Amino acid sequence: MEEKPETAYAQRQEWNHLFLDLGKKKDIVRNTVVQQQDDYANEIELEKLLKPKLYSFPDWDTPVAVFDFEDLENTESLLVLCVRKDQGEEYREENVCYVWTGPDFDISDHADSTQLNENQFVQKCMDQYWGAENIASSSIKIANEQPDSPSEAFQHFFD
């Protein structure tokens, strides 16, 4: 259709003003399905990048992204929570690596499965989360949490 019809809606004249001549309209933004999929894929990648990850000794290479307060009930565990900086988000003002050591954690219980000590484990977790090549350029705060009274910032990520 090249021009606006004289009687777009012959039965309802008040509808004629609703006809849009798309050929003359320059400010119409058309989002194709492919563009929408690309935008969505970019959002998902950003979400994956910013998602905090929880590591449990000795498994530095298999973090979990979904965790809750039940993970803190195992008093024999060493947990490392890596949280990437995200301006504007609560408790995300800086890159932080939270280290929570259960009161009954004994590294000798894991002697058969790993040769890592606590510090090496924390370093491996940080390397895996931020990327070993990015550690030097990233300012990462290491926060040691008390098992009986973890900080509010640490607990925030377990809600």
C-alpha atoms as a PDB file:
ATOM      1  CA  MET A   1       0.000   0.000   0.000  1.00  0.00           C
ATOM      2  CA  GLU A   2       1.685   3.219  -1.105  1.00  0.00           C
ATOM      3  CA  GLU A   3      -0.622   5.855   0.365  1.00  0.00           C
ATOM      4  CA  LYS A   4      -3.024   6.200   3.208  1.00  0.00           C
ATOM      5  CA  PRO A   5      -6.375   4.896   2.026  1.00  0.00           C
ATOM      6  CA  GLU A   6      -9.224   7.366   1.830  1.00  0.00           C
ATOM      7  CA  THR A   7     -11.417   5.121   3.901  1.00  0.00           C
ATOM      8  CA  ALA A   8      -9.156   2.873   5.942  1.00  0.00           C
ATOM      9  CA  TYR A   9     -12.039   1.888   8.131  1.00  0.00           C
ATOM     10  CA  ALA A  10     -15.204   2.751   6.317  1.00  0.00           C
ATOM     11  CA  GLN A  11     -17.421   1.605   9.158  1.00  0.00           C
ATOM     12  CA  ARG A  12     -15.526   3.517  11.887  1.00  0.00           C
ATOM     13  CA  GLN A  13     -14.235   6.886  10.679  1.00  0.00           C
ATOM     14  CA  GLU A  14     -12.663   7.687  14.086  1.00  0.00           C
ATOM     15  CA  TRP A  15     -10.166   4.845  13.448  1.00  0.00           C
ATOM     16  CA  ASN A  16      -8.703   6.470  10.325  1.00  0.00           C
ATOM     17  CA  HIS A  17      -6.139   8.425  12.376  1.00  0.00           C
ATOM     18  CA  LEU A  18      -4.717   5.095  13.601  1.00  0.00           C
ATOM     19  CA  PHE A  19      -3.380   4.214  10.164  1.00  0.00           C
ATOM     20  CA  LEU A  20       0.421   4.626  10.147  1.00  0.00           C
ATOM     21  CA  ASP A  21       2.187   5.177   6.876  1.00  0.00           C
ATOM     22  CA  LEU A  22       5.302   3.123   7.653  1.00  0.00           C
ATOM     23  CA  GLY A  23       6.978   4.183   4.424  1.00  0.00           C
ATOM     24  CA  LYS A  24       7.253   7.768   5.697  1.00  0.00           C
ATOM     25  CA  LYS A  25       7.996   6.875   9.315  1.00  0.00           C
ATOM     26  CA  LYS A  26      11.762   7.167   9.960  1.00  0.00           C
ATOM     27  CA  ASP A  27      11.990   6.685  13.741  1.00  0.00           C
ATOM     28  CA  ILE A  28      10.608   3.153  13.868  1.00  0.00           C
ATOM     29  CA  VAL A  29      12.961   0.699  15.509  1.00  0.00           C
ATOM     30  CA  ARG A  30      12.569  -2.840  14.331  1.00  0.00           C
ATOM     31  CA  ASN A  31      13.970  -5.512  16.590  1.00  0.00           C
ATOM     32  CA  THR A  32      14.492  -8.670  14.676  1.00  0.00           C
ATOM     33  CA  VAL A  33      14.298 -12.015  16.392  1.00  0.00           C
ATOM     34  CA  VAL A  34      18.006 -12.530  15.747  1.00  0.00           C
ATOM     35  CA  GLN A  35      18.846  -9.172  17.332  1.00  0.00           C
ATOM     36  CA  GLN A  36      16.671 -10.004  20.340  1.00  0.00           C
ATOM     37  CA  GLN A  37      18.404 -13.380  20.699  1.00  0.00           C
ATOM     38  CA  ASP A  38      21.827 -11.704  20.529  1.00  0.00           C
ATOM     39  CA  ASP A  39      20.790  -9.147  23.158  1.00  0.00           C
ATOM     40  CA  TYR A  40      19.470 -11.914  25.397  1.00  0.00           C
ATOM     41  CA  ALA A  41      22.656 -13.968  24.936  1.00  0.00           C
ATOM     42  CA  ASN A  42      24.713 -10.924  25.949  1.00  0.00           C
ATOM     43  CA  GLU A  43      22.579 -10.461  29.071  1.00  0.00           C
ATOM     44  CA  ILE A  44      23.049 -14.128  29.995  1.00  0.00           C
ATOM     45  CA  GLU A  45      26.827 -13.896  29.536  1.00  0.00           C
ATOM     46  CA  LEU A  46      26.966 -10.809  31.756  1.00  0.00           C
ATOM     47  CA  GLU A  47      24.849 -12.552  34.394  1.00  0.00           C
ATOM     48  CA  LYS A  48      27.171 -15.585  34.327  1.00  0.00           C
ATOM     49  CA  LEU A  49      30.179 -13.302  34.695  1.00  0.00           C
ATOM     50  CA  LEU A  50      28.733 -11.424  37.677  1.00  0.00           C
ATOM     51  CA  LYS A  51      27.206 -14.444  39.446  1.00  0.00           C
ATOM     52  CA  PRO A  52      28.927 -15.182  42.792  1.00  0.00           C
ATOM     53  CA  LYS A  53      30.401 -18.698  43.001  1.00  0.00           C
ATOM     54  CA  LEU A  54      30.875 -20.905  46.035  1.00  0.00           C
ATOM     55  CA  TYR A  55      33.793 -23.344  46.242  1.00  0.00           C
ATOM     56  CA  SER A  56      34.064 -26.167  48.757  1.00  0.00           C
ATOM     57  CA  PHE A  57      37.428 -27.658  49.720  1.00  0.00           C
ATOM     58  CA  PRO A  58      39.049 -29.447  47.898  1.00  0.00           C
ATOM     59  CA  ASP A  59      36.931 -28.909  44.744  1.00  0.00           C
ATOM     60  CA  TRP A  60      38.357 -25.629  43.424  1.00  0.00           C
ATOM     61  CA  ASP A  61      37.413 -26.478  39.826  1.00  0.00           C
ATOM     62  CA  THR A  62      33.691 -27.149  40.402  1.00  0.00           C
ATOM     63  CA  PRO A  63      32.030 -24.090  41.932  1.00  0.00           C
ATOM     64  CA  VAL A  64      28.306 -23.805  42.489  1.00  0.00           C
ATOM     65  CA  ALA A  65      26.263 -20.750  41.590  1.00  0.00           C
ATOM     66  CA  VAL A  66      23.180 -21.735  43.595  1.00  0.00           C
ATOM     67  CA  PHE A  67      23.696 -22.026  47.337  1.00  0.00           C
ATOM     68  CA  ASP A  68      21.990 -21.180  50.611  1.00  0.00           C
ATOM     69  CA  PHE A  69      22.475 -21.143  54.373  1.00  0.00           C
ATOM     70  CA  GLU A  70      22.438 -24.962  54.515  1.00  0.00           C
ATOM     71  CA  ASP A  71      25.915 -24.872  52.975  1.00  0.00           C
ATOM     72  CA  LEU A  72      27.123 -23.224  56.193  1.00  0.00           C
ATOM     73  CA  GLU A  73      25.753 -26.039  58.359  1.00  0.00           C
ATOM     74  CA  ASN A  74      28.622 -28.367  57.463  1.00  0.00           C
ATOM     75  CA  THR A  75      31.075 -27.398  60.205  1.00  0.00           C
ATOM     76  CA  GLU A  76      33.781 -29.610  58.678  1.00  0.00           C
ATOM     77  CA  SER A  77      34.038 -27.594  55.453  1.00  0.00           C
ATOM     78  CA  LEU A  78      36.175 -24.819  54.062  1.00  0.00           C
ATOM     79  CA  LEU A  79      34.174 -22.546  51.758  1.00  0.00           C
ATOM     80  CA  VAL A  80      35.374 -19.810  49.440  1.00  0.00           C
ATOM     81  CA  LEU A  81      32.832 -17.363  48.040  1.00  0.00           C
ATOM     82  CA  CYS A  82      34.050 -15.229  45.140  1.00  0.00           C
ATOM     83  CA  VAL A  83      32.047 -12.100  44.354  1.00  0.00           C
ATOM     84  CA  ARG A  84      32.776  -9.840  41.396  1.00  0.00           C
ATOM     85  CA  LYS A  85      32.474  -6.072  41.681  1.00  0.00           C
ATOM     86  CA  ASP A  86      29.182  -4.690  40.320  1.00  0.00           C
ATOM     87  CA  GLN A  87      28.661  -0.961  40.877  1.00  0.00           C
ATOM     88  CA  GLY A  88      25.237  -0.055  42.145  1.00  0.00           C
ATOM     89  CA  GLU A  89      24.585  -3.439  43.736  1.00  0.00           C
ATOM     90  CA  GLU A  90      24.536  -3.896  47.494  1.00  0.00           C
ATOM     91  CA  TYR A  91      27.736  -5.487  48.915  1.00  0.00           C
ATOM     92  CA  ARG A  92      29.329  -5.447  45.434  1.00  0.00           C
ATOM     93  CA  GLU A  93      31.475  -2.297  45.683  1.00  0.00           C
ATOM     94  CA  GLU A  94      34.681  -4.301  45.213  1.00  0.00           C
ATOM     95  CA  ASN A  95      35.961  -7.731  44.191  1.00  0.00           C
ATOM     96  CA  VAL A  96      35.858  -9.914  47.317  1.00  0.00           C
ATOM     97  CA  CYS A  97      36.939 -13.427  48.120  1.00  0.00           C
ATOM     98  CA  TYR A  98      35.234 -14.549  51.351  1.00  0.00           C
ATOM     99  CA  VAL A  99      36.889 -17.454  53.177  1.00  0.00           C
ATOM    100  CA  TRP A 100      34.749 -19.351  55.700  1.00  0.00           C
ATOM    101  CA  THR A 101      36.385 -22.153  57.665  1.00  0.00           C
ATOM    102  CA  GLY A 102      34.058 -24.378  59.635  1.00  0.00           C
ATOM    103  CA  PRO A 103      35.034 -24.855  63.299  1.00  0.00           C
ATOM    104  CA  ASP A 104      35.569 -28.598  62.755  1.00  0.00           C
ATOM    105  CA  PHE A 105      37.482 -28.315  59.472  1.00  0.00           C
ATOM    106  CA  ASP A 106      40.651 -30.418  59.446  1.00  0.00           C
ATOM    107  CA  ILE A 107      42.755 -30.365  56.302  1.00  0.00           C
ATOM    108  CA  SER A 108      44.266 -33.757  57.149  1.00  0.00           C
ATOM    109  CA  ASP A 109      40.829 -35.310  56.499  1.00  0.00           C
ATOM    110  CA  HIS A 110      41.429 -34.504  52.822  1.00  0.00           C
ATOM    111  CA  ALA A 111      45.036 -35.716  52.562  1.00  0.00           C
ATOM    112  CA  ASP A 112      44.002 -38.582  50.268  1.00  0.00           C
ATOM    113  CA  SER A 113      42.197 -36.347  47.768  1.00  0.00           C
ATOM    114  CA  THR A 114      44.455 -33.257  47.547  1.00  0.00           C
ATOM    115  CA  GLN A 115      47.877 -31.879  48.310  1.00  0.00           C
ATOM    116  CA  LEU A 116      46.598 -28.294  48.559  1.00  0.00           C
ATOM    117  CA  ASN A 117      46.760 -26.331  51.776  1.00  0.00           C
ATOM    118  CA  GLU A 118      44.136 -23.685  52.659  1.00  0.00           C
ATOM    119  CA  ASN A 119      46.019 -20.780  51.043  1.00  0.00           C
ATOM    120  CA  GLN A 120      46.680 -22.707  47.838  1.00  0.00           C
ATOM    121  CA  PHE A 121      43.005 -23.663  47.674  1.00  0.00           C
ATOM    122  CA  VAL A 122      41.911 -20.038  48.035  1.00  0.00           C
ATOM    123  CA  GLN A 123      44.380 -19.000  45.315  1.00  0.00           C
ATOM    124  CA  LYS A 124      43.115 -21.738  42.961  1.00  0.00           C
ATOM    125  CA  CYS A 125      39.518 -20.583  43.524  1.00  0.00           C
ATOM    126  CA  MET A 126      40.446 -16.982  42.762  1.00  0.00           C
ATOM    127  CA  ASP A 127      42.351 -18.055  39.636  1.00  0.00           C
ATOM    128  CA  GLN A 128      39.363 -20.074  38.460  1.00  0.00           C
ATOM    129  CA  TYR A 129      36.811 -17.314  39.138  1.00  0.00           C
ATOM    130  CA  TRP A 130      38.678 -14.197  38.007  1.00  0.00           C
ATOM    131  CA  GLY A 131      41.110 -15.904  35.633  1.00  0.00           C
ATOM    132  CA  ALA A 132      44.752 -16.437  36.547  1.00  0.00           C
ATOM    133  CA  GLU A 133      45.819 -13.839  33.988  1.00  0.00           C
ATOM    134  CA  ASN A 134      43.528 -11.199  35.569  1.00  0.00           C
ATOM    135  CA  ILE A 135      44.463 -11.685  39.227  1.00  0.00           C
ATOM    136  CA  ALA A 136      47.429  -9.291  39.142  1.00  0.00           C
ATOM    137  CA  SER A 137      45.403  -6.472  37.566  1.00  0.00           C
ATOM    138  CA  SER A 138      42.314  -7.010  39.738  1.00  0.00           C
ATOM    139  CA  SER A 139      42.105  -5.572  43.197  1.00  0.00           C
ATOM    140  CA  ILE A 140      40.665  -8.443  45.222  1.00  0.00           C
ATOM    141  CA  LYS A 141      39.942  -8.187  48.916  1.00  0.00           C
ATOM    142  CA  ILE A 142      40.213 -11.403  50.923  1.00  0.00           C
ATOM    143  CA  ALA A 143      37.793 -11.472  53.856  1.00  0.00           C
ATOM    144  CA  ASN A 144      38.178 -14.197  56.474  1.00  0.00           C
ATOM    145  CA  GLU A 145      34.773 -14.944  57.973  1.00  0.00           C
ATOM    146  CA  GLN A 146      34.187 -16.114  61.516  1.00  0.00           C
ATOM    147  CA  PRO A 147      32.205 -19.377  61.456  1.00  0.00           C
ATOM    148  CA  ASP A 148      30.051 -18.411  64.441  1.00  0.00           C
ATOM    149  CA  SER A 149      29.424 -14.822  63.327  1.00  0.00           C
ATOM    150  CA  PRO A 150      29.905 -14.265  59.593  1.00  0.00           C
ATOM    151  CA  SER A 151      29.621 -10.715  58.290  1.00  0.00           C
ATOM    152  CA  GLU A 152      26.371  -9.290  56.986  1.00  0.00           C
ATOM    153  CA  ALA A 153      27.968  -8.858  53.551  1.00  0.00           C
ATOM    154  CA  PHE A 154      28.901 -12.554  53.424  1.00  0.00           C
ATOM    155  CA  GLN A 155      25.475 -13.699  54.595  1.00  0.00           C
ATOM    156  CA  HIS A 156      23.768 -11.461  52.035  1.00  0.00           C
ATOM    157  CA  PHE A 157      24.771 -13.839  49.227  1.00  0.00           C
ATOM    158  CA  PHE A 158      23.180 -16.848  50.971  1.00  0.00           C
ATOM    159  CA  ASP A 159      19.627 -15.472  50.894  1.00  0.00           C
END
